[in-house]
Amino acid sequence: MGAAFYIVLETEIDGLDTMMDGKMLARKIDALDPAAKQQGVRPLSEFISMDAEAASDILGDDLAGIDVPPVKYFSAQEGLATVRALLSRPEAQPALQDLKDCERILCAAAQHSIGWHLQVDI
């Protein structure tokens, strides 16, 4: 198994398939974040957010006593800037399909002015 990242939209968009694998994106995040900084855009890991319920699903009893901040949504345009800056980077090649899926979903979110965040699935 392993971790995977996926996009959560603030509001559902009728007809938009938001499914993506996200496993390679999770595996390569340590290489993609420095590449994003070199490109002058926000690193992907800074778009990760989750509500208390999702955090509890992942951490279970380890979450006891921890205050989970409220879920945060980001602008799709900012996410697109990061994804598009990474698409041409050599570090992105293993995660290219995940990044293309992110671009597809974030383009639709931008057209509808809908916020988003990355969430982790384990």
N, C-alpha and C. Protein backbone atom coordinates (compact mmCIF):
# COMPACT_ATOMS: atom_id res chain seq x y z
N MET A 1 0.83 -1.17 0.00
CA MET A 1 0.00 0.00 0.00
C MET A 1 0.88 1.24 0.00
N GLY A 2 0.61 2.18 0.86
CA GLY A 2 1.35 3.42 0.91
C GLY A 2 0.42 4.61 0.85
N ALA A 3 1.01 5.76 1.05
CA ALA A 3 0.23 7.00 1.06
C ALA A 3 -0.06 7.45 -0.37
N ALA A 4 -1.13 8.22 -0.47
CA ALA A 4 -1.50 8.84 -1.74
C ALA A 4 -2.08 10.21 -1.43
N PHE A 5 -1.88 11.14 -2.35
CA PHE A 5 -2.49 12.47 -2.24
C PHE A 5 -3.66 12.54 -3.21
N TYR A 6 -4.68 13.25 -2.81
CA TYR A 6 -5.79 13.51 -3.72
C TYR A 6 -6.34 14.90 -3.42
N ILE A 7 -7.05 15.43 -4.41
CA ILE A 7 -7.60 16.78 -4.30
C ILE A 7 -9.01 16.73 -3.74
N VAL A 8 -9.26 17.60 -2.77
CA VAL A 8 -10.60 17.78 -2.22
C VAL A 8 -11.03 19.19 -2.61
N LEU A 9 -12.17 19.28 -3.27
CA LEU A 9 -12.71 20.59 -3.67
C LEU A 9 -13.67 21.10 -2.59
N GLU A 10 -13.70 22.39 -2.43
CA GLU A 10 -14.58 23.03 -1.46
C GLU A 10 -16.05 22.76 -1.80
N THR A 11 -16.34 22.70 -3.07
CA THR A 11 -17.68 22.41 -3.57
C THR A 11 -17.54 21.47 -4.75
N GLU A 12 -18.40 20.48 -4.82
CA GLU A 12 -18.38 19.53 -5.93
C GLU A 12 -18.76 20.22 -7.23
N ILE A 13 -18.11 19.82 -8.32
CA ILE A 13 -18.43 20.34 -9.65
C ILE A 13 -19.14 19.24 -10.42
N ASP A 14 -20.38 19.48 -10.82
CA ASP A 14 -21.16 18.48 -11.55
C ASP A 14 -20.39 17.99 -12.77
N GLY A 15 -20.30 16.67 -12.89
CA GLY A 15 -19.67 16.06 -14.05
C GLY A 15 -18.16 15.97 -14.01
N LEU A 16 -17.52 16.53 -12.99
CA LEU A 16 -16.06 16.48 -12.91
C LEU A 16 -15.60 15.24 -12.15
N ASP A 17 -14.80 14.45 -12.80
CA ASP A 17 -14.19 13.27 -12.18
C ASP A 17 -12.93 13.74 -11.43
N THR A 18 -12.95 13.67 -10.13
CA THR A 18 -11.80 14.11 -9.33
C THR A 18 -10.90 12.95 -8.91
N MET A 19 -11.14 11.79 -9.46
CA MET A 19 -10.32 10.64 -9.11
C MET A 19 -8.90 10.79 -9.67
N MET A 20 -7.95 10.40 -8.85
CA MET A 20 -6.55 10.35 -9.27
C MET A 20 -5.84 9.32 -8.41
N ASP A 21 -4.77 8.76 -8.91
CA ASP A 21 -4.04 7.75 -8.16
C ASP A 21 -3.33 8.38 -6.97
N GLY A 22 -2.46 9.35 -7.22
CA GLY A 22 -1.81 10.13 -6.18
C GLY A 22 -0.69 9.45 -5.42
N LYS A 23 -0.44 8.17 -5.69
CA LYS A 23 0.61 7.47 -4.95
C LYS A 23 2.01 7.97 -5.31
N MET A 24 2.25 8.16 -6.59
CA MET A 24 3.58 8.62 -7.00
C MET A 24 3.80 10.06 -6.54
N LEU A 25 2.77 10.86 -6.52
CA LEU A 25 2.87 12.22 -6.02
C LEU A 25 3.31 12.21 -4.56
N ALA A 26 2.73 11.32 -3.78
CA ALA A 26 3.11 11.19 -2.37
C ALA A 26 4.55 10.70 -2.23
N ARG A 27 4.94 9.76 -3.07
CA ARG A 27 6.31 9.21 -2.99
C ARG A 27 7.36 10.24 -3.37
N LYS A 28 7.04 11.13 -4.31
CA LYS A 28 8.02 12.06 -4.85
C LYS A 28 7.93 13.46 -4.26
N ILE A 29 7.10 13.67 -3.25
CA ILE A 29 6.89 15.01 -2.70
C ILE A 29 8.20 15.61 -2.18
N ASP A 30 9.09 14.78 -1.65
CA ASP A 30 10.36 15.30 -1.11
C ASP A 30 11.27 15.86 -2.21
N ALA A 31 11.11 15.41 -3.43
CA ALA A 31 11.86 15.97 -4.57
C ALA A 31 11.10 17.11 -5.23
N LEU A 32 9.77 17.03 -5.20
CA LEU A 32 8.95 18.04 -5.87
C LEU A 32 8.92 19.37 -5.10
N ASP A 33 8.92 19.31 -3.78
CA ASP A 33 8.86 20.55 -3.01
C ASP A 33 10.07 21.46 -3.24
N PRO A 34 11.31 20.95 -3.20
CA PRO A 34 12.44 21.82 -3.51
C PRO A 34 12.41 22.33 -4.96
N ALA A 35 11.93 21.51 -5.88
CA ALA A 35 11.82 21.93 -7.28
C ALA A 35 10.83 23.08 -7.40
N ALA A 36 9.73 23.02 -6.66
CA ALA A 36 8.74 24.11 -6.67
C ALA A 36 9.37 25.39 -6.14
N LYS A 37 10.12 25.28 -5.06
CA LYS A 37 10.77 26.48 -4.50
C LYS A 37 11.74 27.08 -5.51
N GLN A 38 12.47 26.23 -6.23
CA GLN A 38 13.39 26.72 -7.26
C GLN A 38 12.65 27.45 -8.37
N GLN A 39 11.42 27.03 -8.63
CA GLN A 39 10.59 27.66 -9.67
C GLN A 39 9.88 28.90 -9.14
N GLY A 40 10.00 29.16 -7.85
CA GLY A 40 9.38 30.34 -7.26
C GLY A 40 7.89 30.20 -6.99
N VAL A 41 7.42 28.95 -6.82
CA VAL A 41 6.01 28.70 -6.52
C VAL A 41 5.89 27.96 -5.19
N ARG A 42 4.70 27.95 -4.67
CA ARG A 42 4.43 27.31 -3.38
C ARG A 42 4.59 25.79 -3.52
N PRO A 43 5.31 25.15 -2.60
CA PRO A 43 5.46 23.69 -2.64
C PRO A 43 4.13 22.98 -2.44
N LEU A 44 3.98 21.83 -3.07
CA LEU A 44 2.74 21.07 -2.97
C LEU A 44 2.39 20.70 -1.53
N SER A 45 3.37 20.37 -0.73
CA SER A 45 3.07 19.95 0.65
C SER A 45 2.41 21.06 1.45
N GLU A 46 2.55 22.31 1.03
CA GLU A 46 1.91 23.42 1.74
C GLU A 46 0.42 23.53 1.41
N PHE A 47 -0.06 22.72 0.48
CA PHE A 47 -1.48 22.70 0.14
C PHE A 47 -2.23 21.57 0.88
N ILE A 48 -1.53 20.83 1.74
CA ILE A 48 -2.15 19.73 2.46
C ILE A 48 -2.95 20.28 3.64
N SER A 49 -4.17 19.80 3.76
CA SER A 49 -5.04 20.17 4.87
C SER A 49 -6.04 19.04 5.05
N MET A 50 -6.54 18.88 6.24
CA MET A 50 -7.61 17.89 6.46
C MET A 50 -8.38 18.23 7.71
N ASP A 51 -9.63 17.81 7.71
CA ASP A 51 -10.46 18.07 8.87
C ASP A 51 -10.18 17.04 9.96
N ALA A 52 -10.76 17.23 11.13
CA ALA A 52 -10.50 16.36 12.27
C ALA A 52 -10.93 14.91 11.99
N GLU A 53 -12.01 14.75 11.25
CA GLU A 53 -12.48 13.39 10.95
C GLU A 53 -11.48 12.64 10.07
N ALA A 54 -10.97 13.31 9.04
CA ALA A 54 -9.98 12.67 8.17
C ALA A 54 -8.69 12.39 8.93
N ALA A 55 -8.27 13.32 9.78
CA ALA A 55 -7.07 13.11 10.58
C ALA A 55 -7.26 11.92 11.52
N SER A 56 -8.44 11.79 12.09
CA SER A 56 -8.74 10.68 12.99
C SER A 56 -8.70 9.35 12.25
N ASP A 57 -9.18 9.35 11.00
CA ASP A 57 -9.13 8.12 10.20
C ASP A 57 -7.70 7.65 10.00
N ILE A 58 -6.78 8.58 9.87
CA ILE A 58 -5.38 8.24 9.63
C ILE A 58 -4.64 7.94 10.93
N LEU A 59 -4.82 8.80 11.93
CA LEU A 59 -4.04 8.70 13.16
C LEU A 59 -4.71 7.89 14.27
N GLY A 60 -6.02 7.73 14.20
CA GLY A 60 -6.73 6.96 15.22
C GLY A 60 -6.52 7.52 16.61
N ASP A 61 -6.15 6.63 17.54
CA ASP A 61 -5.95 7.02 18.94
C ASP A 61 -4.76 7.96 19.12
N ASP A 62 -3.83 7.98 18.17
CA ASP A 62 -2.68 8.89 18.27
C ASP A 62 -3.09 10.34 18.19
N LEU A 63 -4.31 10.61 17.75
CA LEU A 63 -4.81 11.97 17.62
C LEU A 63 -5.32 12.53 18.96
N ALA A 64 -5.50 11.66 19.94
CA ALA A 64 -6.04 12.08 21.24
C ALA A 64 -5.22 13.22 21.83
N GLY A 65 -5.90 14.29 22.20
CA GLY A 65 -5.24 15.43 22.83
C GLY A 65 -4.61 16.41 21.87
N ILE A 66 -4.70 16.15 20.57
CA ILE A 66 -4.11 17.04 19.58
C ILE A 66 -5.23 17.90 18.98
N ASP A 67 -5.02 19.21 18.97
CA ASP A 67 -5.98 20.11 18.33
C ASP A 67 -5.70 20.15 16.84
N VAL A 68 -6.64 19.71 16.06
CA VAL A 68 -6.51 19.74 14.60
C VAL A 68 -7.04 21.08 14.12
N PRO A 69 -6.20 21.84 13.40
CA PRO A 69 -6.68 23.14 12.90
C PRO A 69 -7.81 22.94 11.90
N PRO A 70 -8.64 23.97 11.73
CA PRO A 70 -9.72 23.84 10.75
C PRO A 70 -9.15 23.61 9.35
N VAL A 71 -9.93 22.90 8.54
CA VAL A 71 -9.51 22.63 7.17
C VAL A 71 -9.33 23.96 6.44
N LYS A 72 -8.31 24.01 5.59
CA LYS A 72 -8.01 25.22 4.85
C LYS A 72 -8.13 24.93 3.35
N TYR A 73 -8.73 25.85 2.64
CA TYR A 73 -8.85 25.73 1.19
C TYR A 73 -7.98 26.81 0.53
N PHE A 74 -7.43 26.47 -0.60
CA PHE A 74 -6.51 27.34 -1.32
C PHE A 74 -7.10 27.70 -2.68
N SER A 75 -6.56 28.75 -3.30
CA SER A 75 -7.05 29.13 -4.62
C SER A 75 -6.54 28.13 -5.67
N ALA A 76 -7.44 27.79 -6.58
CA ALA A 76 -7.07 26.87 -7.65
C ALA A 76 -5.98 27.47 -8.53
N GLN A 77 -6.00 28.79 -8.71
CA GLN A 77 -4.98 29.44 -9.54
C GLN A 77 -3.58 29.24 -8.95
N GLU A 78 -3.47 29.34 -7.63
CA GLU A 78 -2.16 29.15 -7.00
C GLU A 78 -1.71 27.70 -7.14
N GLY A 79 -2.64 26.78 -6.98
CA GLY A 79 -2.31 25.37 -7.18
C GLY A 79 -1.88 25.08 -8.60
N LEU A 80 -2.59 25.68 -9.56
CA LEU A 80 -2.22 25.51 -10.97
C LEU A 80 -0.83 26.04 -11.26
N ALA A 81 -0.48 27.15 -10.66
CA ALA A 81 0.86 27.72 -10.86
C ALA A 81 1.93 26.73 -10.42
N THR A 82 1.70 26.09 -9.28
CA THR A 82 2.67 25.10 -8.78
C THR A 82 2.72 23.89 -9.70
N VAL A 83 1.57 23.33 -10.00
CA VAL A 83 1.52 22.12 -10.84
C VAL A 83 2.15 22.38 -12.19
N ARG A 84 1.82 23.49 -12.81
CA ARG A 84 2.36 23.78 -14.15
C ARG A 84 3.86 24.04 -14.11
N ALA A 85 4.34 24.64 -13.05
CA ALA A 85 5.79 24.86 -12.91
C ALA A 85 6.51 23.53 -12.76
N LEU A 86 5.87 22.56 -12.14
CA LEU A 86 6.51 21.26 -11.91
C LEU A 86 6.45 20.33 -13.12
N LEU A 87 5.47 20.50 -13.98
CA LEU A 87 5.28 19.58 -15.10
C LEU A 87 6.52 19.42 -15.98
N SER A 88 7.29 20.46 -16.14
CA SER A 88 8.46 20.39 -17.02
C SER A 88 9.74 20.00 -16.28
N ARG A 89 9.67 19.83 -15.00
CA ARG A 89 10.86 19.51 -14.21
C ARG A 89 11.20 18.02 -14.29
N PRO A 90 12.49 17.69 -14.37
CA PRO A 90 12.86 16.27 -14.44
C PRO A 90 12.42 15.49 -13.19
N GLU A 91 12.38 16.17 -12.04
CA GLU A 91 11.97 15.50 -10.80
C GLU A 91 10.51 15.03 -10.87
N ALA A 92 9.74 15.65 -11.75
CA ALA A 92 8.31 15.37 -11.84
C ALA A 92 7.98 14.17 -12.72
N GLN A 93 8.92 13.71 -13.51
CA GLN A 93 8.62 12.66 -14.48
C GLN A 93 7.95 11.43 -13.87
N PRO A 94 8.41 10.91 -12.73
CA PRO A 94 7.72 9.73 -12.16
C PRO A 94 6.28 10.02 -11.74
N ALA A 95 5.98 11.28 -11.41
CA ALA A 95 4.64 11.66 -10.94
C ALA A 95 3.86 12.42 -12.00
N LEU A 96 4.28 12.32 -13.25
CA LEU A 96 3.69 13.12 -14.32
C LEU A 96 2.18 12.92 -14.45
N GLN A 97 1.71 11.67 -14.40
CA GLN A 97 0.27 11.44 -14.54
C GLN A 97 -0.50 12.05 -13.38
N ASP A 98 0.02 11.94 -12.16
CA ASP A 98 -0.65 12.57 -11.02
C ASP A 98 -0.71 14.08 -11.18
N LEU A 99 0.38 14.68 -11.64
CA LEU A 99 0.40 16.13 -11.85
C LEU A 99 -0.58 16.55 -12.95
N LYS A 100 -0.68 15.75 -14.01
CA LYS A 100 -1.64 16.06 -15.08
C LYS A 100 -3.07 15.95 -14.56
N ASP A 101 -3.32 14.97 -13.69
CA ASP A 101 -4.65 14.87 -13.09
C ASP A 101 -4.93 16.08 -12.21
N CYS A 102 -3.94 16.52 -11.45
CA CYS A 102 -4.09 17.73 -10.63
C CYS A 102 -4.41 18.93 -11.52
N GLU A 103 -3.69 19.06 -12.62
CA GLU A 103 -3.92 20.18 -13.53
C GLU A 103 -5.35 20.16 -14.07
N ARG A 104 -5.82 19.00 -14.47
CA ARG A 104 -7.18 18.86 -15.00
C ARG A 104 -8.22 19.28 -13.96
N ILE A 105 -8.08 18.79 -12.74
CA ILE A 105 -9.04 19.09 -11.68
C ILE A 105 -8.96 20.57 -11.29
N LEU A 106 -7.75 21.07 -11.15
CA LEU A 106 -7.58 22.47 -10.73
C LEU A 106 -8.03 23.45 -11.82
N CYS A 107 -7.90 23.09 -13.09
CA CYS A 107 -8.43 23.94 -14.17
C CYS A 107 -9.94 24.11 -14.01
N ALA A 108 -10.63 23.03 -13.75
CA ALA A 108 -12.08 23.10 -13.55
C ALA A 108 -12.40 23.91 -12.30
N ALA A 109 -11.65 23.70 -11.23
CA ALA A 109 -11.88 24.45 -9.99
C ALA A 109 -11.66 25.94 -10.23
N ALA A 110 -10.64 26.29 -10.99
CA ALA A 110 -10.36 27.70 -11.28
C ALA A 110 -11.50 28.32 -12.10
N GLN A 111 -12.02 27.58 -13.07
CA GLN A 111 -13.12 28.08 -13.90
C GLN A 111 -14.37 28.36 -13.07
N HIS A 112 -14.53 27.62 -11.98
CA HIS A 112 -15.71 27.78 -11.12
C HIS A 112 -15.40 28.55 -9.83
N SER A 113 -14.18 29.06 -9.71
CA SER A 113 -13.75 29.80 -8.51
C SER A 113 -13.98 29.00 -7.23
N ILE A 114 -13.55 27.74 -7.27
CA ILE A 114 -13.73 26.83 -6.14
C ILE A 114 -12.37 26.55 -5.50
N GLY A 115 -12.33 26.63 -4.18
CA GLY A 115 -11.11 26.34 -3.43
C GLY A 115 -10.84 24.84 -3.37
N TRP A 116 -9.65 24.50 -2.95
CA TRP A 116 -9.22 23.10 -2.91
C TRP A 116 -8.13 22.92 -1.86
N HIS A 117 -7.84 21.67 -1.55
CA HIS A 117 -6.64 21.31 -0.80
C HIS A 117 -6.26 19.89 -1.14
N LEU A 118 -5.02 19.55 -0.83
CA LEU A 118 -4.57 18.17 -0.97
C LEU A 118 -4.88 17.46 0.34
N GLN A 119 -5.26 16.21 0.23
CA GLN A 119 -5.49 15.41 1.42
C GLN A 119 -4.71 14.11 1.26
N VAL A 120 -4.33 13.53 2.37
CA VAL A 120 -3.55 12.29 2.37
C VAL A 120 -4.48 11.12 2.62
N ASP A 121 -4.25 10.06 1.89
CA ASP A 121 -4.94 8.80 2.11
C ASP A 121 -3.89 7.74 2.36
N ILE A 122 -4.11 6.94 3.37
CA ILE A 122 -3.14 5.88 3.68
C ILE A 122 -3.83 4.54 3.59
